[in-house]
Every structure is written in C-alpha cells, then in structure tokens.
C-alpha cells in the first residue's frame, strides 16, 4: 500500500503508524469542543490527532476503538 498514512479516516493500525507524529500532536492540541472537525485541507495525521482529543474529552465511542487498540498492540510489539 503506497498510500499508507495519506488517508483519513484510517483503515487500520498501519495508517495510524504512518501518520506524521508532529501533525498528530498539532491536531490534538488544536482541538476545541465547539469547533467542527477539520476538513481535507488538513493532513490525515492532524485530523487523527484532533479526533483523538475529541474522544479523550467526550469519552464517547467514535467507531475507531478497534483501530486504536490494534495500533497500541502494534506499538508494544515494535518496542
């Protein structure tokens, strides 16, 4: 898959692992509760970070639980 890390929403843990970490952190930090989700003018990593901050703040299921769990498992294996 030559498009790893270039699509949002992520298809699997490999997309998440390929996201630019600086962009993920920027999206996480920029989240504001009253803002609409960022659109395609933002990188997939930024959008993923923003989505994760929303999840952390609301504690509501968002459909990405399986992808997050798989990514955490992958991260542990790669340590």
Protein backbone atom coordinates (compact mmCIF):
# COMPACT_ATOMS: atom_id res chain seq x y z
CA UNK A 1 0.00 0.00 0.00
CA UNK A 2 1.79 3.09 -1.19
CA UNK A 3 -0.83 5.37 0.33
CA UNK A 4 -0.15 4.46 3.99
CA UNK A 5 -0.68 7.46 6.21
CA UNK A 6 -2.29 9.54 3.49
CA UNK A 7 -5.93 8.64 4.08
CA UNK A 8 -8.44 9.66 6.71
CA UNK A 9 -10.22 8.00 8.36
CA UNK A 10 -7.56 5.39 8.99
CA UNK A 11 -8.27 1.94 7.60
CA UNK A 12 -6.11 0.15 10.13
CA UNK A 13 -3.25 0.50 12.60
CA UNK A 14 -0.72 0.79 9.76
CA UNK A 15 -2.31 4.02 8.56
CA UNK A 16 -2.10 5.42 12.08
CA UNK A 17 1.54 4.33 12.44
CA UNK A 18 2.38 6.13 9.19
CA UNK A 19 0.82 9.46 10.21
CA UNK A 20 3.29 12.27 10.82
CA UNK A 21 3.63 12.46 14.60
CA UNK A 22 4.09 16.24 14.62
CA UNK A 23 0.82 16.61 12.73
CA UNK A 24 -0.98 14.26 15.12
CA UNK A 25 0.24 16.30 18.10
CA UNK A 26 -0.74 19.59 16.42
CA UNK A 27 -4.26 18.31 15.73
CA UNK A 28 -4.57 17.03 19.29
CA UNK A 29 -3.51 20.37 20.73
CA UNK A 30 -5.73 22.42 18.39
CA UNK A 31 -8.98 20.64 19.26
CA UNK A 32 -11.65 22.90 20.72
CA UNK A 33 -15.00 21.49 21.84
CA UNK A 34 -17.08 23.95 19.81
CA UNK A 35 -15.08 23.67 16.59
CA UNK A 36 -16.27 21.49 13.71
CA UNK A 37 -14.00 18.59 12.72
CA UNK A 38 -11.13 19.63 10.47
CA UNK A 39 -11.65 19.00 6.79
CA UNK A 40 -9.49 17.66 3.99
CA UNK A 41 -7.46 20.88 3.94
CA UNK A 42 -5.68 19.39 6.99
CA UNK A 43 -3.38 16.38 6.89
CA UNK A 44 -4.69 12.94 7.87
CA UNK A 45 -2.36 12.96 10.89
CA UNK A 46 -3.72 16.30 12.06
CA UNK A 47 -7.28 15.05 11.70
CA UNK A 48 -6.40 11.87 13.61
CA UNK A 49 -4.92 13.89 16.47
CA UNK A 50 -7.98 16.14 16.57
CA UNK A 51 -10.27 13.09 16.60
CA UNK A 52 -8.36 11.53 19.48
CA UNK A 53 -8.56 14.70 21.58
CA UNK A 54 -12.32 14.81 20.98
CA UNK A 55 -12.54 11.17 22.14
CA UNK A 56 -10.43 11.94 25.22
CA UNK A 57 -12.65 14.89 26.13
CA UNK A 58 -16.07 13.37 25.46
CA UNK A 59 -15.42 9.69 26.32
CA UNK A 60 -17.99 8.83 23.64
CA UNK A 61 -17.46 5.92 21.23
CA UNK A 62 -16.44 7.18 17.81
CA UNK A 63 -16.01 3.98 15.81
CA UNK A 64 -12.21 3.99 15.93
CA UNK A 65 -11.81 1.83 19.03
CA UNK A 66 -10.61 -1.25 17.10
CA UNK A 67 -8.08 0.79 15.12
CA UNK A 68 -6.76 2.40 18.31
CA UNK A 69 -6.47 -0.95 20.10
CA UNK A 70 -4.66 -2.51 17.14
CA UNK A 71 -2.29 0.45 16.96
CA UNK A 72 -1.48 0.20 20.68
CA UNK A 73 -0.77 -3.51 20.28
CA UNK A 74 1.45 -2.83 17.27
CA UNK A 75 3.31 -0.11 19.17
CA UNK A 76 4.04 -2.51 22.03
CA UNK A 77 5.34 -5.15 19.63
CA UNK A 78 7.70 -2.67 17.97
CA UNK A 79 9.28 -1.53 21.26
